[in-house]
């Protein structure tokens, strides 16, 4: 079976407007109009590199559909859904809820297509139509909470798809691995008390949201131990991330033994990103994907579905995205011309303080009850 790939050009039409990076333009405050940090360029350029590199010929295209109200309401409140729909009809759109996440007219329809796109990719993987898959959707979703959007996210795309997998597709145990550089707070919040959904977030310590994603956030009640957070120090490169994969992610997945692995795939941990201070390279992302695939082959017949999240450097992000999807598809690597530069940056090797943090989290893996056939 081929690797599934989902993209629609209208994702590039999600309009975050003219902003001074994160804030609305304000001449009196010296905020000159420019563009919002979450704009279409990185996603559009990933897709175009997939085409130009020839990888597109190896992929099975999956067509997105709109998520229904019922599907969205499995994780979000009615008030949130209705507010987004109402503001989507305004001439200049509205904001997802935190004042930093604008969307233009018609944003509701694009956001429901993003959420529905992740659902269709999960269906394709679970039903065996594709071996694994990548949904290149926009807007992202892993920060959205039940009653509000947040951090450029409108609806919790991956959480909505996970609920669909359990309620409709009959998938009992799901693991969510989030390697976006910002804490996957929204996804974690939806399953914080659920022992059948394991959430693992590798992120830069206290980057976004503020005071979120500490290793002490471990789940509530029956779900205690099923939320794992790896708040990596700023400056962590390939060495630190791969150590976390080997010491935390792989052992946790092996112990939990999910029926399906979902990945919140952000590339803002890359060495050139403007919204974080990590040092991942395309080779780092490639290797993380390979190691995740190795575990998936053992625990869930290789079933992995990835949903695109952040990544804000339009020049380098496409090579990181290409590396992940090439690896999923078993394709020959297309050369990354930036790799000699970013791989030579100081900090790529595992550092002692990074190891100490990962080892502290690794000690918590034992609190996960062994899954079936473990």
Protein backbone atom coordinates (compact mmCIF):
# COMPACT_ATOMS: atom_id res chain seq x y z
CA UNK A 1 0.00 0.00 0.00
CA UNK A 2 1.07 3.56 -0.69
CA UNK A 3 1.40 6.46 1.74
CA UNK A 4 -1.67 8.68 1.81
CA UNK A 5 -1.31 12.40 1.20
CA UNK A 6 -3.96 15.07 1.68
CA UNK A 7 -3.79 18.70 0.61
CA UNK A 8 -6.26 21.19 -0.82
CA UNK A 9 -5.34 24.56 -2.32
CA UNK A 10 -8.05 26.31 -0.31
CA UNK A 11 -6.01 25.74 2.83
CA UNK A 12 -3.76 28.44 1.43
CA UNK A 13 -6.76 30.76 1.33
CA UNK A 14 -7.22 30.68 5.11
CA UNK A 15 -6.77 34.42 5.62
CA UNK A 16 -4.86 35.57 8.70
CA UNK A 17 -4.68 39.11 7.37
CA UNK A 18 -2.16 41.92 7.54
CA UNK A 19 -0.51 41.92 10.94
CA UNK A 20 2.75 42.96 12.53
CA UNK A 21 3.74 39.33 13.00
CA UNK A 22 1.41 38.47 15.89
CA UNK A 23 -0.35 41.75 16.61
CA UNK A 24 -2.69 43.87 14.56
CA UNK A 25 -1.01 46.77 12.83
CA UNK A 26 -0.87 49.91 15.03
CA UNK A 27 1.13 52.88 13.68
CA UNK A 28 0.98 54.70 17.01
CA UNK A 29 2.69 51.75 18.67
CA UNK A 30 5.21 51.40 15.86
CA UNK A 31 3.56 48.22 14.57
CA UNK A 32 3.96 48.48 10.82
CA UNK A 33 1.66 46.26 8.72
CA UNK A 34 3.34 43.16 7.40
CA UNK A 35 1.85 39.64 7.52
CA UNK A 36 0.72 37.26 10.21
CA UNK A 37 3.27 34.66 11.30
CA UNK A 38 0.79 31.88 10.45
CA UNK A 39 0.43 32.48 6.74
CA UNK A 40 0.09 30.14 3.79
CA UNK A 41 3.68 30.12 2.57
CA UNK A 42 5.22 27.22 4.50
CA UNK A 43 2.34 24.86 3.70
CA UNK A 44 2.06 25.88 0.07
CA UNK A 45 5.81 25.49 -0.39
CA UNK A 46 5.82 22.03 1.24
CA UNK A 47 3.20 20.93 -1.27
CA UNK A 48 5.06 22.44 -4.20
CA UNK A 49 8.34 20.80 -3.15
CA UNK A 50 6.53 17.46 -2.91
CA UNK A 51 5.43 17.98 -6.51
CA UNK A 52 8.73 19.31 -7.86
CA UNK A 53 10.78 16.59 -6.14
CA UNK A 54 8.66 13.92 -7.80
CA UNK A 55 7.49 12.46 -4.48
CA UNK A 56 3.88 13.20 -5.43
CA UNK A 57 4.02 10.28 -7.88
CA UNK A 58 4.65 7.89 -4.98
CA UNK A 59 1.70 9.08 -2.90
CA UNK A 60 -1.98 8.15 -2.82
CA UNK A 61 -4.02 11.34 -2.82
CA UNK A 62 -6.80 11.41 -0.23
CA UNK A 63 -9.64 13.90 -0.72
CA UNK A 64 -10.74 15.94 2.30
CA UNK A 65 -14.32 16.52 3.33
CA UNK A 66 -15.85 18.96 5.79
CA UNK A 67 -16.22 17.83 9.38
CA UNK A 68 -19.85 17.85 10.46
CA UNK A 69 -21.25 19.80 13.39
CA UNK A 70 -21.71 16.52 15.25
CA UNK A 71 -18.05 15.61 14.76
CA UNK A 72 -16.81 19.01 15.92
CA UNK A 73 -19.11 18.98 18.95
CA UNK A 74 -17.51 15.78 20.18
CA UNK A 75 -14.68 17.96 21.48
CA UNK A 76 -15.86 21.59 21.26
CA UNK A 77 -18.71 23.50 22.84
CA UNK A 78 -21.71 24.64 20.85
CA UNK A 79 -20.91 28.25 21.78
CA UNK A 80 -17.43 28.00 20.25
CA UNK A 81 -18.69 26.45 17.03
CA UNK A 82 -21.48 29.02 16.62
CA UNK A 83 -19.19 31.97 17.35
CA UNK A 84 -16.67 30.84 14.72
CA UNK A 85 -19.47 30.30 12.19
CA UNK A 86 -20.97 33.73 12.93
CA UNK A 87 -17.67 35.62 12.71
CA UNK A 88 -16.81 33.70 9.54
CA UNK A 89 -19.72 35.49 7.90
CA UNK A 90 -18.49 38.96 8.87
CA UNK A 91 -16.93 41.00 6.02
CA UNK A 92 -13.46 40.80 7.58
CA UNK A 93 -13.87 37.60 9.59
CA UNK A 94 -12.99 37.28 13.26
CA UNK A 95 -10.57 35.70 15.73
CA UNK A 96 -10.40 32.12 17.00
CA UNK A 97 -10.54 33.28 20.60
CA UNK A 98 -7.21 34.48 21.98
CA UNK A 99 -6.76 37.73 20.04
CA UNK A 100 -3.75 36.34 18.12
CA UNK A 101 -5.54 33.94 15.77
CA UNK A 102 -7.43 35.90 13.10
CA UNK A 103 -9.37 34.32 10.27
CA UNK A 104 -11.03 35.89 7.25
CA UNK A 105 -14.49 35.61 5.79
CA UNK A 106 -15.23 31.96 5.09
CA UNK A 107 -12.78 30.77 7.73
CA UNK A 108 -15.32 28.42 9.31
CA UNK A 109 -15.64 26.43 6.10
CA UNK A 110 -11.87 26.13 5.67
CA UNK A 111 -11.44 25.10 9.32
CA UNK A 112 -14.10 22.39 8.99
CA UNK A 113 -12.33 21.11 5.86
CA UNK A 114 -9.05 20.92 7.81
CA UNK A 115 -10.70 18.95 10.61
CA UNK A 116 -12.56 16.76 8.14
CA UNK A 117 -9.37 16.22 6.18
CA UNK A 118 -7.68 14.71 9.22
CA UNK A 119 -10.74 12.51 9.76
CA UNK A 120 -10.56 11.21 6.18
CA UNK A 121 -6.85 10.48 6.51
CA UNK A 122 -7.45 8.56 9.73
CA UNK A 123 -10.24 6.62 8.02
CA UNK A 124 -7.93 5.74 5.11
CA UNK A 125 -5.24 4.44 7.49
CA UNK A 126 -7.60 2.53 9.78
CA UNK A 127 -9.52 0.99 6.88
CA UNK A 128 -6.31 -0.13 5.18
CA UNK A 129 -6.71 2.02 2.08
CA UNK A 130 -3.21 3.41 2.67
CA UNK A 131 -0.27 2.18 4.74
CA UNK A 132 0.14 5.46 6.61
CA UNK A 133 -0.62 9.06 5.78
CA UNK A 134 0.08 12.78 6.07
CA UNK A 135 -2.66 15.43 6.11
CA UNK A 136 -1.16 18.80 5.13
CA UNK A 137 -4.00 20.90 6.53
CA UNK A 138 -4.44 24.50 7.58
CA UNK A 139 -5.43 26.02 10.00
CA UNK A 140 -3.63 23.91 12.60
CA UNK A 141 -5.40 22.48 15.63
CA UNK A 142 -3.41 21.25 18.63
CA UNK A 143 -3.84 24.38 20.79
CA UNK A 144 -7.63 24.69 20.43
CA UNK A 145 -9.52 23.86 23.64
CA UNK A 146 -13.17 23.00 24.12
CA UNK A 147 -14.52 26.55 24.29
CA UNK A 148 -11.97 28.52 22.29
CA UNK A 149 -9.38 28.55 19.57
CA UNK A 150 -5.83 29.42 20.53
CA UNK A 151 -2.36 29.77 19.07
CA UNK A 152 -3.52 30.06 15.42
CA UNK A 153 -5.79 27.00 15.87
CA UNK A 154 -9.57 27.09 15.41
CA UNK A 155 -10.72 23.49 15.92
CA UNK A 156 -8.82 20.57 17.44
CA UNK A 157 -8.25 18.69 14.18
CA UNK A 158 -6.40 15.71 15.62
CA UNK A 159 -8.63 15.42 18.69
CA UNK A 160 -11.75 15.44 16.50
CA UNK A 161 -10.25 12.69 14.34
CA UNK A 162 -9.28 10.67 17.42
CA UNK A 163 -12.87 10.82 18.72
CA UNK A 164 -14.10 9.72 15.31
CA UNK A 165 -11.65 6.82 15.28
CA UNK A 166 -12.94 5.61 18.62
CA UNK A 167 -16.66 6.28 18.22
CA UNK A 168 -17.15 5.37 14.56
CA UNK A 169 -14.19 3.26 13.46
CA UNK A 170 -13.97 1.16 16.62
CA UNK A 171 -10.36 2.00 17.48
CA UNK A 172 -9.97 1.45 21.20
CA UNK A 173 -6.48 2.66 22.11
CA UNK A 174 -4.86 5.70 20.51
CA UNK A 175 -1.49 7.35 21.09
CA UNK A 176 -0.87 10.95 20.07
CA UNK A 177 2.76 11.99 19.57
CA UNK A 178 3.15 15.76 19.24
CA UNK A 179 6.55 17.02 18.05
CA UNK A 180 5.44 20.58 17.32
CA UNK A 181 7.78 22.88 19.25
CA UNK A 182 4.86 24.26 21.27
CA UNK A 183 3.02 22.23 23.89
CA UNK A 184 0.03 20.29 22.56
CA UNK A 185 -2.17 21.66 25.32
CA UNK A 186 -5.47 21.40 23.47
CA UNK A 187 -5.10 17.78 22.45
CA UNK A 188 -3.93 16.91 25.96
CA UNK A 189 -6.93 18.65 27.53
CA UNK A 190 -9.48 16.57 25.61
CA UNK A 191 -8.06 13.26 26.86
CA UNK A 192 -6.58 14.24 30.22
CA UNK A 193 -8.68 11.74 32.17
CA UNK A 194 -8.80 8.99 29.54
CA UNK A 195 -6.54 5.94 30.03
CA UNK A 196 -7.24 4.76 26.47
CA UNK A 197 -5.57 7.81 24.87
CA UNK A 198 -1.88 8.38 25.54
CA UNK A 199 -0.64 11.90 24.74
CA UNK A 200 3.09 12.56 24.41
CA UNK A 201 4.27 16.11 23.71
CA UNK A 202 7.89 16.99 22.90
CA UNK A 203 8.17 20.77 23.03
CA UNK A 204 10.39 23.67 23.98
CA UNK A 205 10.07 24.34 27.68
CA UNK A 206 7.62 27.16 28.49
CA UNK A 207 7.53 28.50 24.95
CA UNK A 208 3.77 28.42 24.25
CA UNK A 209 1.31 28.45 25.86
CA UNK A 210 2.98 30.09 28.88
CA UNK A 211 3.23 27.82 31.91
CA UNK A 212 1.92 24.83 29.97
CA UNK A 213 3.44 21.41 29.32
CA UNK A 214 5.41 20.78 32.50
CA UNK A 215 6.44 17.20 33.16
CA UNK A 216 4.19 17.34 36.25
CA UNK A 217 1.12 17.47 33.95
CA UNK A 218 0.38 13.75 33.90
CA UNK A 219 -3.39 13.31 33.62
CA UNK A 220 -6.32 13.13 36.02
CA UNK A 221 -8.08 10.26 37.79
CA UNK A 222 -8.07 7.13 35.59
CA UNK A 223 -5.98 9.02 33.06
CA UNK A 224 -3.10 9.68 35.44
CA UNK A 225 0.14 8.64 33.79
CA UNK A 226 -1.30 8.81 30.28
CA UNK A 227 -0.13 12.36 29.62
CA UNK A 228 3.62 12.59 29.09
CA UNK A 229 5.33 15.93 28.55
CA UNK A 230 8.95 16.35 27.52
CA UNK A 231 9.71 20.09 28.00
CA UNK A 232 13.06 20.23 26.22
CA UNK A 233 15.45 23.10 26.97
CA UNK A 234 15.93 25.80 24.32
CA UNK A 235 18.77 24.91 21.98
CA UNK A 236 17.95 21.21 21.78
CA UNK A 237 18.96 19.71 18.45
CA UNK A 238 18.77 16.34 16.75
CA UNK A 239 20.69 14.61 19.54
CA UNK A 240 18.30 15.63 22.31
CA UNK A 241 15.17 14.91 20.31
CA UNK A 242 16.38 11.47 19.23
CA UNK A 243 17.35 10.65 22.80
CA UNK A 244 13.79 11.56 23.85
CA UNK A 245 12.41 9.35 21.11
CA UNK A 246 14.52 6.42 22.30
CA UNK A 247 14.06 6.89 26.05
CA UNK A 248 10.49 8.17 26.30
CA UNK A 249 8.43 7.93 23.11
CA UNK A 250 9.36 4.44 21.94
CA UNK A 251 9.21 2.81 25.41
CA UNK A 252 5.88 4.50 26.17
CA UNK A 253 4.37 3.31 22.90
CA UNK A 254 5.75 -0.18 23.41
CA UNK A 255 4.22 -0.31 26.88
CA UNK A 256 0.85 1.23 25.92
CA UNK A 257 0.52 -0.69 22.64
CA UNK A 258 -1.98 1.55 20.83
CA UNK A 259 -4.13 0.41 17.93
CA UNK A 260 -3.34 3.65 16.09
CA UNK A 261 -0.64 6.34 16.35
CA UNK A 262 -1.54 9.92 15.50
CA UNK A 263 1.16 12.56 15.09
CA UNK A 264 0.80 16.32 15.51
CA UNK A 265 3.54 17.22 13.06
CA UNK A 266 4.92 20.71 13.48
CA UNK A 267 8.20 21.91 12.00
CA UNK A 268 8.71 24.94 14.24
CA UNK A 269 11.36 22.97 16.11
CA UNK A 270 13.62 23.37 13.08
CA UNK A 271 16.84 25.32 13.26
CA UNK A 272 15.60 28.41 11.39
CA UNK A 273 12.16 28.92 12.90
CA UNK A 274 11.26 32.43 14.13
CA UNK A 275 8.86 31.30 16.89
CA UNK A 276 11.14 28.97 18.86
CA UNK A 277 14.78 28.27 19.62
CA UNK A 278 15.34 24.60 18.81
CA UNK A 279 17.80 23.16 16.30
CA UNK A 280 16.16 20.23 14.54
CA UNK A 281 17.28 19.46 11.00
CA UNK A 282 15.50 17.67 8.19
CA UNK A 283 17.64 14.63 9.05
CA UNK A 284 16.39 14.83 12.63
CA UNK A 285 12.78 14.79 11.46
CA UNK A 286 13.57 11.97 9.04
CA UNK A 287 15.11 9.87 11.80
CA UNK A 288 12.29 10.55 14.27
CA UNK A 289 9.81 9.42 11.64
CA UNK A 290 11.77 6.24 10.95
CA UNK A 291 11.96 5.37 14.64
CA UNK A 292 8.25 6.00 15.08
CA UNK A 293 7.52 3.75 12.09
CA UNK A 294 9.64 0.98 13.59
CA UNK A 295 7.60 1.07 16.79
CA UNK A 296 4.33 1.26 14.85
CA UNK A 297 5.22 -1.86 12.89
CA UNK A 298 5.52 -3.72 16.17
CA UNK A 299 2.51 -2.35 18.08
CA UNK A 300 -0.17 -1.38 15.54
CA UNK A 301 0.65 -2.87 12.13
CA UNK A 302 2.30 0.38 11.03
CA UNK A 303 -0.83 2.51 11.35
CA UNK A 304 0.34 6.14 11.59
CA UNK A 305 -1.64 9.21 10.54
CA UNK A 306 0.00 12.63 10.74
CA UNK A 307 -1.70 16.00 10.89
CA UNK A 308 0.23 19.16 10.04
CA UNK A 309 0.60 21.80 12.75
CA UNK A 310 3.15 24.64 12.94
CA UNK A 311 6.39 25.70 11.26
CA UNK A 312 7.04 29.29 10.21
CA UNK A 313 10.23 29.48 8.15
CA UNK A 314 9.06 29.32 4.52
CA UNK A 315 12.54 28.45 3.24
CA UNK A 316 13.51 25.56 5.50
CA UNK A 317 10.19 24.04 6.62
CA UNK A 318 9.49 22.51 3.17
CA UNK A 319 12.64 20.36 3.39
CA UNK A 320 11.65 19.14 6.86
CA UNK A 321 8.14 18.28 5.68
CA UNK A 322 9.48 16.55 2.59
CA UNK A 323 11.84 14.45 4.73
CA UNK A 324 8.97 13.19 6.91
CA UNK A 325 6.70 12.27 4.01
CA UNK A 326 9.57 10.68 2.03
CA UNK A 327 10.28 8.49 5.04
CA UNK A 328 6.65 7.47 5.42
CA UNK A 329 6.63 6.52 1.72
CA UNK A 330 10.01 4.75 1.71
CA UNK A 331 11.25 7.11 -1.00
CA UNK A 332 14.82 8.08 -1.79
CA UNK A 333 15.79 11.35 -0.08
CA UNK A 334 15.78 14.56 -2.07
CA UNK A 335 18.85 16.58 -1.11
CA UNK A 336 18.40 19.26 1.56
CA UNK A 337 20.78 22.06 0.54
CA UNK A 338 20.56 23.62 4.02
CA UNK A 339 21.59 20.45 5.85
CA UNK A 340 25.36 21.13 5.81
CA UNK A 341 24.68 24.49 7.48
CA UNK A 342 22.11 23.55 10.12
CA UNK A 343 23.71 20.22 11.00
CA UNK A 344 26.93 22.07 11.83
CA UNK A 345 25.32 24.41 14.32
CA UNK A 346 26.62 24.02 17.86
CA UNK A 347 24.14 22.15 20.03
CA UNK A 348 23.21 19.29 17.69
CA UNK A 349 24.75 16.71 20.02
CA UNK A 350 22.93 15.60 23.16
CA UNK A 351 23.85 17.88 26.06
CA UNK A 352 24.03 16.85 29.72
CA UNK A 353 21.15 19.09 30.84
CA UNK A 354 18.97 17.78 28.01
CA UNK A 355 19.77 14.19 28.98
CA UNK A 356 18.88 14.88 32.60
CA UNK A 357 15.45 16.23 31.64
CA UNK A 358 14.68 13.32 29.32
CA UNK A 359 15.82 10.80 31.93
CA UNK A 360 13.44 12.40 34.44
CA UNK A 361 10.52 11.93 32.06
CA UNK A 362 11.63 8.40 31.15
CA UNK A 363 11.22 7.40 34.78
CA UNK A 364 7.47 8.14 34.46
CA UNK A 365 6.86 5.69 31.61
CA UNK A 366 6.44 2.85 34.09
CA UNK A 367 3.17 4.40 35.32
CA UNK A 368 1.52 3.43 32.02
CA UNK A 369 -0.31 0.16 32.49
CA UNK A 370 0.93 -2.50 30.03
CA UNK A 371 -1.37 -2.76 27.03
CA UNK A 372 -2.65 -5.90 25.32
CA UNK A 373 0.05 -8.43 24.48
CA UNK A 374 2.67 -6.24 26.10
